[in-house]
Amino acid sequence: MSFSAPIRPARSERPLFIAGALLAALVIFAGFARTFYLKGLFGTPPLSSLLMTHGVVMTLWIVLFIAQIALVANGRTGLHRRLGLLGGCVAVLIVVMGVAAAIDAGRRGFTPAPQITPLMFMAIPIIDVAVFGTLVAAALLKRRRTATHKRLMLLATLGIVTPGAARLPLDFIKQGGLPAFFGVMIACVLAVVVIDTVRNRRLHPAFGWGAAFLIASVPLRIALAQTAAWQRFAAWLLG
């Protein structure tokens, strides 16, 4: 008589994705609490209709992302797939509104630091949404491969927390400038990748190339922003 070893049930990956989604929501809410979510309490200046719409669309993405995780957790995969169509539309809106907001910031002469010109800064949000759109598009193409799909969606969502991180009311972030802003985003990405890798005892390919793509885009966009070609392109966008 032979005895087979008991099969250990696979541990649910759900807590990691819930934690990642809530982490993104927390950074964005905390960063934009004064100027958007709780602006009535802080008496901050009114926002233009463009920026209000941009904020609503970004918030809708976060809410939708959390809802999608909850639907899968409750076995509502059919509704999850149907709602994915709305998610794709919202992702397109994020890219469009992100570019529009970057152009608006350039016209207003906005810059997060004295050493960065408005034209240089425009490269940051525009490439932000380009990277986001690329990750979401890859996730949608891989939607039948659940493990890959959900990891790319999580990376896309964590990749757009940088604007919220830049507005966190913490002195070390304010003083740290761009390295600190991007550092928060990269820390969030690495945290979920490391936890997932340790838990599964291997680095999932989607987390491997997706995180590498996201992190590598940071120095690339900073380098691009300083080129004459970008300066001409940004000036053209401003009309």
Foldseek 3Di string as FASTA:
>chain_A
DDDDDDDDDDDDPLVLLLVLLVVLVVLQCLLCVCPAVVVVVNVDDDDDPLVNVLVVLLVVLSVLSNVLSVCVVVVVVVVSVVCVVVNLVSLVVNLVSLLVVLLVCLVVFDDLDPVATSLLVSLVSNVLSVLLSVLQVVLVVCVVVPVLNSLSNSLSSLSPSLSSQCRRPDPCSSVVPPVSSVVVSLVSLVVSQVVVCVSVVHGDVSSVVSSVVSVVVSVVSNVVSPDPVSSVVSVVSND
